[in-house]
Protein backbone atom coordinates (compact mmCIF):
# COMPACT_ATOMS: atom_id res chain seq x y z
CA UNK A 1 -19.84 156.36 -12.95
CA UNK A 2 -17.03 155.71 -10.44
CA UNK A 3 -14.75 152.84 -11.37
CA UNK A 4 -12.32 151.65 -8.74
CA UNK A 5 -10.23 149.79 -11.32
CA UNK A 6 -9.92 152.89 -13.48
CA UNK A 7 -8.70 155.05 -10.60
CA UNK A 8 -6.34 152.30 -9.44
CA UNK A 9 -4.84 152.23 -12.90
CA UNK A 10 -4.50 156.03 -12.92
CA UNK A 11 -2.65 156.06 -9.58
CA UNK A 12 -0.39 153.25 -10.71
CA UNK A 13 0.43 155.15 -13.89
CA UNK A 14 1.19 158.27 -11.86
CA UNK A 15 3.38 156.25 -9.50
CA UNK A 16 5.34 154.76 -12.40
CA UNK A 17 5.80 158.11 -14.13
CA UNK A 18 6.65 160.45 -11.30
CA UNK A 19 8.79 162.85 -13.34
CA UNK A 20 6.22 163.19 -16.10
CA UNK A 21 3.45 163.73 -13.56
CA UNK A 22 5.54 166.30 -11.70
CA UNK A 23 6.31 168.26 -14.89
CA UNK A 24 2.64 168.27 -15.89
CA UNK A 25 1.52 169.40 -12.45
CA UNK A 26 4.30 171.97 -12.17
CA UNK A 27 3.29 173.54 -15.49
CA UNK A 28 -0.31 173.90 -14.32
CA UNK A 29 0.55 175.12 -10.81
CA UNK A 30 3.07 177.64 -12.13
CA UNK A 31 0.55 179.06 -14.60
CA UNK A 32 -2.11 179.60 -11.92
CA UNK A 33 0.46 180.89 -9.41
CA UNK A 34 1.76 183.52 -11.85
CA UNK A 35 -1.80 184.53 -12.81
CA UNK A 36 -2.88 184.96 -9.17
CA UNK A 37 0.32 186.85 -8.27
CA UNK A 38 0.19 189.25 -11.22
CA UNK A 39 -3.54 189.90 -10.86
CA UNK A 40 -3.10 190.50 -7.13
CA UNK A 41 -0.22 192.94 -7.72
CA UNK A 42 -2.43 194.88 -10.14
CA UNK A 43 -5.11 195.15 -7.47
CA UNK A 44 -2.45 196.25 -5.01
CA UNK A 45 -1.49 199.09 -7.35
CA UNK A 46 -5.15 200.13 -7.50
CA UNK A 47 -5.21 200.09 -3.70
CA UNK A 48 -2.27 202.49 -3.65
CA UNK A 49 -4.08 204.97 -5.90
CA UNK A 50 -7.23 204.66 -3.82
CA UNK A 51 -5.25 205.19 -0.60
CA UNK A 52 -3.39 208.18 -2.04
CA UNK A 53 -6.63 209.97 -2.90
CA UNK A 54 -8.83 208.41 -0.24
CA UNK A 55 -7.48 210.39 2.73
CA UNK A 56 -8.61 213.70 1.17
CA UNK A 57 -11.86 214.78 -0.44
CA UNK A 58 -11.94 214.36 -4.24
CA UNK A 59 -14.46 217.13 -5.02
CA UNK A 60 -11.86 219.79 -4.32
CA UNK A 61 -9.84 222.42 -6.19
CA UNK A 62 -6.60 223.72 -4.68
CA UNK A 63 -5.73 227.23 -5.89
CA UNK A 64 -2.09 228.38 -5.64
CA UNK A 65 -0.89 231.90 -6.52
CA UNK A 66 2.19 232.11 -8.72
CA UNK A 67 4.34 234.74 -10.38
CA UNK A 68 3.29 236.15 -13.75
CA UNK A 69 5.46 235.54 -16.78
CA UNK A 70 3.47 237.62 -19.29
CA UNK A 71 2.65 241.38 -19.12
CA UNK A 72 -1.12 241.98 -18.98
CA UNK A 73 -3.37 245.07 -18.91
CA UNK A 74 -0.53 247.41 -18.01
CA UNK A 75 0.95 245.11 -15.36
CA UNK A 76 4.52 243.97 -15.86
CA UNK A 77 5.69 240.38 -15.98
CA UNK A 78 7.28 238.71 -12.92
CA UNK A 79 4.54 240.10 -10.66
CA UNK A 80 3.83 238.06 -7.53
CA UNK A 81 0.18 237.10 -7.17
CA UNK A 82 -1.32 237.11 -3.68
CA UNK A 83 -4.65 235.84 -2.40
CA UNK A 84 -6.57 237.84 0.20
CA UNK A 85 -9.60 237.42 2.42
CA UNK A 86 -11.69 239.36 -0.10
CA UNK A 87 -11.00 236.64 -2.67
CA UNK A 88 -12.57 234.05 -0.34
CA UNK A 89 -15.71 236.13 0.05
CA UNK A 90 -15.91 236.83 -3.69
CA UNK A 91 -15.69 233.14 -4.60
CA UNK A 92 -18.34 232.25 -2.02
CA UNK A 93 -20.67 234.91 -3.39
CA UNK A 94 -20.21 234.40 -7.14
CA UNK A 95 -20.08 230.59 -7.16
CA UNK A 96 -22.55 229.94 -4.36
CA UNK A 97 -24.72 227.49 -6.30
CA UNK A 98 -21.74 225.23 -7.09
CA UNK A 99 -19.99 225.30 -3.71
CA UNK A 100 -20.01 223.22 -0.57
CA UNK A 101 -17.31 225.28 1.16
CA UNK A 102 -14.28 227.53 0.74
CA UNK A 103 -11.33 227.62 3.12
CA UNK A 104 -7.94 229.34 3.09
CA UNK A 105 -4.73 227.68 4.13
CA UNK A 106 -1.64 229.38 5.51
CA UNK A 107 1.23 226.99 6.15
CA UNK A 108 4.12 227.76 8.47
CA UNK A 109 6.76 225.72 10.29
CA UNK A 110 7.25 226.45 13.98
CA UNK A 111 9.07 225.22 17.06
CA UNK A 112 6.39 223.92 19.41
CA UNK A 113 7.05 223.55 23.14
CA UNK A 114 5.25 221.97 26.07
CA UNK A 115 7.09 222.04 29.39
CA UNK A 116 10.40 220.25 28.75
CA UNK A 117 9.37 218.78 25.39
CA UNK A 118 9.78 220.53 22.03
CA UNK A 119 9.93 219.79 18.32
CA UNK A 120 9.37 221.42 14.95
CA UNK A 121 5.93 220.96 13.40
CA UNK A 122 4.01 222.25 10.41
CA UNK A 123 1.11 224.53 11.33
CA UNK A 124 -1.86 225.17 9.08
CA UNK A 125 -4.01 228.22 9.62
CA UNK A 126 -7.42 227.32 8.23
CA UNK A 127 -11.18 227.81 8.43
CA UNK A 128 -13.59 225.17 9.85
CA UNK A 129 -14.47 223.63 6.41
CA UNK A 130 -10.85 222.52 6.09
CA UNK A 131 -11.98 219.54 8.16
CA UNK A 132 -13.93 218.24 5.14
CA UNK A 133 -11.16 218.84 2.61
CA UNK A 134 -8.67 216.77 4.61
CA UNK A 135 -11.20 214.30 6.02
CA UNK A 136 -9.79 215.05 9.44
CA UNK A 137 -11.04 212.72 12.18
CA UNK A 138 -11.44 214.29 15.61
CA UNK A 139 -10.37 211.83 18.30
CA UNK A 140 -11.24 214.02 21.25
CA UNK A 141 -12.16 217.60 21.92
CA UNK A 142 -13.38 219.59 18.92
CA UNK A 143 -12.29 221.22 15.69
CA UNK A 144 -12.12 224.93 14.96
CA UNK A 145 -15.45 226.72 14.54
CA UNK A 146 -16.70 230.04 13.16
CA UNK A 147 -16.54 231.68 16.60
CA UNK A 148 -12.81 230.88 16.71
CA UNK A 149 -12.38 232.57 13.32
CA UNK A 150 -14.40 235.65 14.27
CA UNK A 151 -12.75 235.96 17.68
CA UNK A 152 -9.22 235.26 16.37
CA UNK A 153 -8.79 232.86 19.27
CA UNK A 154 -5.51 231.22 20.16
CA UNK A 155 -6.88 227.71 19.96
CA UNK A 156 -5.07 224.77 18.40
CA UNK A 157 -6.10 221.33 17.18
CA UNK A 158 -3.10 219.02 17.23
CA UNK A 159 -2.34 215.75 15.48
CA UNK A 160 -2.30 212.42 17.28
CA UNK A 161 1.49 212.15 16.98
CA UNK A 162 2.01 215.72 18.21
CA UNK A 163 0.16 214.79 21.40
CA UNK A 164 2.19 211.59 21.62
CA UNK A 165 5.50 213.46 21.16
CA UNK A 166 4.86 216.37 23.50
CA UNK A 167 2.44 215.00 26.09
CA UNK A 168 3.51 211.35 26.19
CA UNK A 169 0.70 209.53 28.00
CA UNK A 170 -0.98 212.69 29.31
CA UNK A 171 -4.18 214.23 27.90
CA UNK A 172 -3.47 217.34 25.80
CA UNK A 173 -7.00 218.80 25.92
CA UNK A 174 -7.05 222.08 27.85
CA UNK A 175 -3.26 222.33 28.03
CA UNK A 176 -1.25 225.26 26.62
CA UNK A 177 1.55 224.96 24.06
CA UNK A 178 4.03 227.50 22.73
CA UNK A 179 3.79 227.68 18.93
CA UNK A 180 6.60 229.81 17.52
CA UNK A 181 6.49 232.20 20.49
CA UNK A 182 2.68 232.40 20.79
CA UNK A 183 0.74 230.44 23.39
CA UNK A 184 -2.21 228.36 22.18
CA UNK A 185 -4.74 226.28 24.07
CA UNK A 186 -5.24 222.73 22.79
CA UNK A 187 -8.96 222.19 22.12
CA UNK A 188 -8.80 219.01 20.03
CA UNK A 189 -6.71 216.05 18.90
CA UNK A 190 -7.16 214.56 15.44
CA UNK A 191 -6.05 211.61 13.39
CA UNK A 192 -5.68 211.39 9.62
CA UNK A 193 -5.57 208.39 7.31
CA UNK A 194 -2.93 210.23 5.27
CA UNK A 195 -0.20 208.89 7.53
CA UNK A 196 2.34 210.10 10.06
CA UNK A 197 3.17 213.38 8.32
CA UNK A 198 -0.48 214.45 8.44
CA UNK A 199 -0.73 213.57 12.13
CA UNK A 200 2.26 215.78 12.96
CA UNK A 201 0.43 218.96 11.98
CA UNK A 202 -1.27 221.63 14.05
CA UNK A 203 -4.39 223.55 12.95
CA UNK A 204 -5.11 227.11 14.14
CA UNK A 205 -7.62 229.78 13.00
CA UNK A 206 -6.39 231.56 9.88
CA UNK A 207 -7.47 234.92 11.31
CA UNK A 208 -5.22 234.32 14.30
CA UNK A 209 -2.26 233.63 12.03
CA UNK A 210 -3.00 236.82 10.09
CA UNK A 211 -3.17 238.77 13.36
CA UNK A 212 0.18 237.37 14.49
CA UNK A 213 1.72 238.35 11.16
CA UNK A 214 1.06 242.09 11.58
CA UNK A 215 -2.68 241.99 10.91
CA UNK A 216 -2.28 240.96 7.27
CA UNK A 217 -5.17 239.63 5.18
CA UNK A 218 -3.03 237.46 2.90
CA UNK A 219 -3.55 233.70 2.47
CA UNK A 220 -1.19 231.16 0.92
CA UNK A 221 -3.79 229.16 -0.97
CA UNK A 222 -7.52 228.71 -1.36
CA UNK A 223 -9.30 225.36 -1.17
CA UNK A 224 -12.66 225.16 -2.94
CA UNK A 225 -15.00 222.25 -2.30
CA UNK A 226 -17.61 221.90 -5.03
CA UNK A 227 -20.80 219.82 -5.01
CA UNK A 228 -20.11 216.13 -5.84
CA UNK A 229 -23.15 215.95 -8.11
CA UNK A 230 -21.28 218.06 -10.64
CA UNK A 231 -19.45 214.89 -11.64
CA UNK A 232 -16.19 214.71 -13.58
CA UNK A 233 -17.35 216.81 -16.54
CA UNK A 234 -18.80 219.42 -14.20
CA UNK A 235 -15.59 219.48 -12.17
CA UNK A 236 -13.55 220.21 -15.29
CA UNK A 237 -15.96 222.98 -16.36
CA UNK A 238 -15.93 224.42 -12.83
CA UNK A 239 -12.11 224.46 -12.83
CA UNK A 240 -12.13 226.37 -16.11
CA UNK A 241 -14.67 228.89 -14.80
CA UNK A 242 -12.89 229.58 -11.53
CA UNK A 243 -9.53 229.86 -13.32
CA UNK A 244 -10.98 232.51 -15.64
CA UNK A 245 -12.58 234.27 -12.68
CA UNK A 246 -9.37 234.48 -10.63
CA UNK A 247 -7.31 235.53 -13.64
CA UNK A 248 -9.69 238.39 -14.35
CA UNK A 249 -9.73 239.38 -10.69
CA UNK A 250 -5.93 239.33 -10.37
CA UNK A 251 -5.13 240.61 -13.88
CA UNK A 252 -3.38 237.48 -15.03
CA UNK A 253 -3.17 236.77 -18.75
CA UNK A 254 -5.30 233.81 -19.92
CA UNK A 255 -2.15 232.51 -21.65
CA UNK A 256 0.11 232.85 -18.59
CA UNK A 257 0.94 229.34 -17.29
CA UNK A 258 2.71 230.62 -14.17
CA UNK A 259 0.40 233.22 -12.67
CA UNK A 260 -2.09 230.73 -11.24
CA UNK A 261 -1.92 227.02 -10.48
CA UNK A 262 -4.94 224.82 -9.87
CA UNK A 263 -4.86 221.26 -8.62
CA UNK A 264 -8.06 219.46 -9.52
CA UNK A 265 -8.22 216.32 -7.35
CA UNK A 266 -11.12 214.90 -9.40
CA UNK A 267 -9.06 215.17 -12.59
CA UNK A 268 -5.99 213.61 -10.97
CA UNK A 269 -8.10 210.77 -9.60
CA UNK A 270 -9.67 210.15 -13.01
CA UNK A 271 -6.30 210.05 -14.75
CA UNK A 272 -4.82 207.70 -12.19
CA UNK A 273 -7.86 205.43 -12.31
CA UNK A 274 -7.54 205.26 -16.10
CA UNK A 275 -3.83 204.51 -15.83
CA UNK A 276 -4.45 201.84 -13.21
CA UNK A 277 -7.24 200.35 -15.34
CA UNK A 278 -5.01 200.11 -18.42
CA UNK A 279 -2.21 198.65 -16.33
CA UNK A 280 -4.60 196.08 -14.86
CA UNK A 281 -5.72 195.07 -18.37
CA UNK A 282 -2.08 194.64 -19.42
CA UNK A 283 -1.30 192.61 -16.30
CA UNK A 284 -4.40 190.49 -16.82
CA UNK A 285 -3.40 189.92 -20.46
CA UNK A 286 0.06 188.77 -19.41
CA UNK A 287 -1.47 186.54 -16.74
CA UNK A 288 -3.86 184.89 -19.22
CA UNK A 289 -0.98 184.48 -21.67
CA UNK A 290 0.81 182.53 -18.94
CA UNK A 291 -2.28 180.32 -18.53
CA UNK A 292 -2.42 179.73 -22.29
CA UNK A 293 1.25 178.75 -22.29
CA UNK A 294 0.41 176.33 -19.47
CA UNK A 295 -2.40 174.84 -21.56
CA UNK A 296 -0.01 174.39 -24.48
CA UNK A 297 2.45 172.72 -22.13
CA UNK A 298 -0.24 170.33 -20.88
CA UNK A 299 -1.25 169.51 -24.45
CA UNK A 300 2.34 168.72 -25.42
CA UNK A 301 2.83 166.54 -22.37
CA UNK A 302 -0.42 164.63 -23.04
CA UNK A 303 0.64 164.02 -26.65
CA UNK A 304 3.85 162.55 -25.30
CA UNK A 305 1.90 160.45 -22.78
CA UNK A 306 -0.30 158.98 -25.51
CA UNK A 307 2.70 158.30 -27.73
CA UNK A 308 4.48 156.61 -24.83
CA UNK A 309 1.48 154.39 -24.05
CA UNK A 310 0.63 153.43 -27.65
CA UNK A 311 1.54 149.76 -27.21
CA UNK A 312 -0.32 149.61 -23.90
CA UNK A 313 -3.40 151.05 -25.58
CA UNK A 314 -3.10 148.48 -28.38
CA UNK A 315 -2.95 145.60 -25.90
CA UNK A 316 -5.97 146.94 -23.99
CA UNK A 317 -8.00 147.26 -27.17
CA UNK A 318 -6.95 143.78 -28.26
CA UNK A 319 -8.23 142.47 -24.92
CA UNK A 320 -11.60 144.12 -25.47
CA UNK A 321 -11.28 147.70 -24.18
CA UNK A 322 -13.67 150.06 -25.94
CA UNK A 323 -12.66 153.51 -27.31
CA UNK A 324 -14.70 155.03 -24.46
CA UNK A 325 -12.66 153.12 -21.85
CA UNK A 326 -9.38 154.26 -23.40
CA UNK A 327 -10.52 157.89 -23.69
CA UNK A 328 -11.92 158.09 -20.15
CA UNK A 329 -8.80 156.63 -18.55
CA UNK A 330 -6.42 159.09 -20.23
CA UNK A 331 -8.86 161.96 -19.73
CA UNK A 332 -9.39 161.28 -16.04
CA UNK A 333 -5.65 161.20 -15.49
CA UNK A 334 -5.30 164.58 -17.19
CA UNK A 335 -8.20 166.11 -15.23
CA UNK A 336 -6.97 164.74 -11.91
CA UNK A 337 -3.43 166.06 -12.29
CA UNK A 338 -4.61 169.41 -13.66
CA UNK A 339 -7.19 169.96 -10.91
CA UNK A 340 -4.91 169.09 -7.99
CA UNK A 341 -1.99 171.11 -9.39
CA UNK A 342 -4.20 174.05 -10.33
CA UNK A 343 -5.64 174.44 -6.83
CA UNK A 344 -2.22 173.99 -5.25
CA UNK A 345 -0.87 176.81 -7.45
CA UNK A 346 -3.88 178.97 -6.57
CA UNK A 347 -3.47 178.43 -2.83
CA UNK A 348 0.26 179.20 -2.97
CA UNK A 349 -0.43 182.39 -4.96
CA UNK A 350 -3.15 183.59 -2.56
CA UNK A 351 -0.91 182.73 0.39
CA UNK A 352 1.96 184.73 -1.11
CA UNK A 353 -0.23 187.81 -1.58
CA UNK A 354 -1.38 187.66 2.02
CA UNK A 355 2.19 187.17 3.21
CA UNK A 356 3.41 190.20 1.23
CA UNK A 357 0.77 192.52 2.70
CA UNK A 358 2.13 196.08 2.65
CA UNK A 359 5.80 195.10 2.36
CA UNK A 360 5.99 196.43 -1.24
CA UNK A 361 4.13 199.69 -0.59
CA UNK A 362 7.11 201.95 0.02
CA UNK A 363 9.37 200.78 -2.81
CA UNK A 364 6.91 199.56 -5.44
CA UNK A 365 3.64 201.38 -4.56
CA UNK A 366 1.76 198.09 -4.15
CA UNK A 367 -0.57 198.20 -1.16
CA UNK A 368 -2.19 195.07 0.26
CA UNK A 369 -2.23 193.03 -2.99
CA UNK A 370 -5.15 190.64 -3.25
CA UNK A 371 -7.25 188.64 -5.69
CA UNK A 372 -10.93 187.93 -5.37
CA UNK A 373 -11.29 184.25 -4.49
CA UNK A 374 -14.01 183.92 -7.13
CA UNK A 375 -11.61 185.21 -9.80
CA UNK A 376 -8.86 182.85 -8.66
CA UNK A 377 -11.22 179.85 -8.67
CA UNK A 378 -12.58 180.84 -12.10
CA UNK A 379 -9.06 181.00 -13.55
CA UNK A 380 -8.24 177.63 -12.00
CA UNK A 381 -11.41 176.01 -13.33
CA UNK A 382 -10.72 177.55 -16.74
CA UNK A 383 -7.27 175.99 -16.76
CA UNK A 384 -8.74 172.64 -15.66
CA UNK A 385 -11.30 172.75 -18.48
CA UNK A 386 -8.63 173.67 -21.00
CA UNK A 387 -6.44 170.93 -19.58
CA UNK A 388 -9.33 168.53 -20.06
CA UNK A 389 -9.64 169.57 -23.70
CA UNK A 390 -5.87 169.29 -24.08
CA UNK A 391 -6.08 165.73 -22.76
CA UNK A 392 -9.23 164.84 -24.72
CA UNK A 393 -7.77 165.48 -28.17
CA UNK A 394 -4.83 163.01 -27.89
CA UNK A 395 -7.00 160.57 -25.88
CA UNK A 396 -9.58 160.46 -28.66
CA UNK A 397 -6.85 159.99 -31.23
CA UNK A 398 -5.43 157.11 -29.18
CA UNK A 399 -8.86 155.48 -28.94
CA UNK A 400 -9.06 155.35 -32.75
CA UNK A 401 -5.74 153.52 -33.16
CA UNK A 402 -6.19 149.97 -34.44
CA UNK A 403 -4.72 147.31 -32.11
CA UNK A 404 -2.45 145.84 -34.81
CA UNK A 405 -1.00 149.29 -35.59
CA UNK A 406 -0.48 150.09 -31.92
CA UNK A 407 1.31 146.80 -31.26
CA UNK A 408 3.74 147.49 -34.11
CA UNK A 409 4.65 150.93 -32.70
CA UNK A 410 8.31 151.36 -31.72
């Protein structure tokens, strides 16, 4: 039940003991502030991992040829491994039931010109399914198709920033650009969530690149997209199977670590998620340890408060105050200070996270740190409840003090 006299007494006590009240409130606010900040930074780190893997498909294997380091089946060591068009067809045929797509990638750097503008850009010669591997977003025009591959057309799909650099405010669709001495028609403009580097690339048909390079059938790497329903365990088994298959096809020793390299995005994602999860647990543990230290601080301060007001409590009891009156007054003071300070600390912490935004992304890999408001409120309420308990114990002890003993206290 609300008692005006009780609250008046509480505010008067707070007014008379400003330093003590400030220290109590500061301890609570600091604990919640540190918890919110640390927890938010942990979420920001998770955001970085998600962003790093989110701009590309995760059900993908990247196959890179290497150079053998072990002799095998009559072939000498230090043999350069090369992928060819036949390897693409063989993988599609023999792993058909596990695949969504297969695409080659041939990467070259070239000077690209349009009228008076020019710059160096990375070109990727690919097949149409490469769109899914990179999660390329077509802004206008179209992407490469199978007719472009079959016809070895000189068509190019350019990044948003390539259009911005070379064409300024003009529309690039239908225009012709010089790519390393060969003229290509721009048929599409794309954007990519991977960032500026991805949007300064140019895609052309891989068969056109092979034609330009003396009608070769070589490819730099092979990208294999497998069915997502395979899951993590299936992805690992599929990686093992395709590694064995390529090694047999290219006569690479099963024990040779350098003849073939495979990047399994699903495995990398899993490892990073586990690392981020462990790190989040550690951060959360530190944050809760800070809250516990705040609770201990509140308890110590409340013990001091009760000790300081022993004579006052004795006088009140001598004048007829009941143990319940004494307990409720001290308890309400503790709850009031803890609640106000806790929510102030929470609001400052949330405000700091929003202010930071992506400022720490480049140097500390923390992207858009945040904390769920429900989690922040829960932590604050938890600290308030613990602060209540911390205030209740000394308040109950004070209520049991006999008036004569309290009045003799020095």
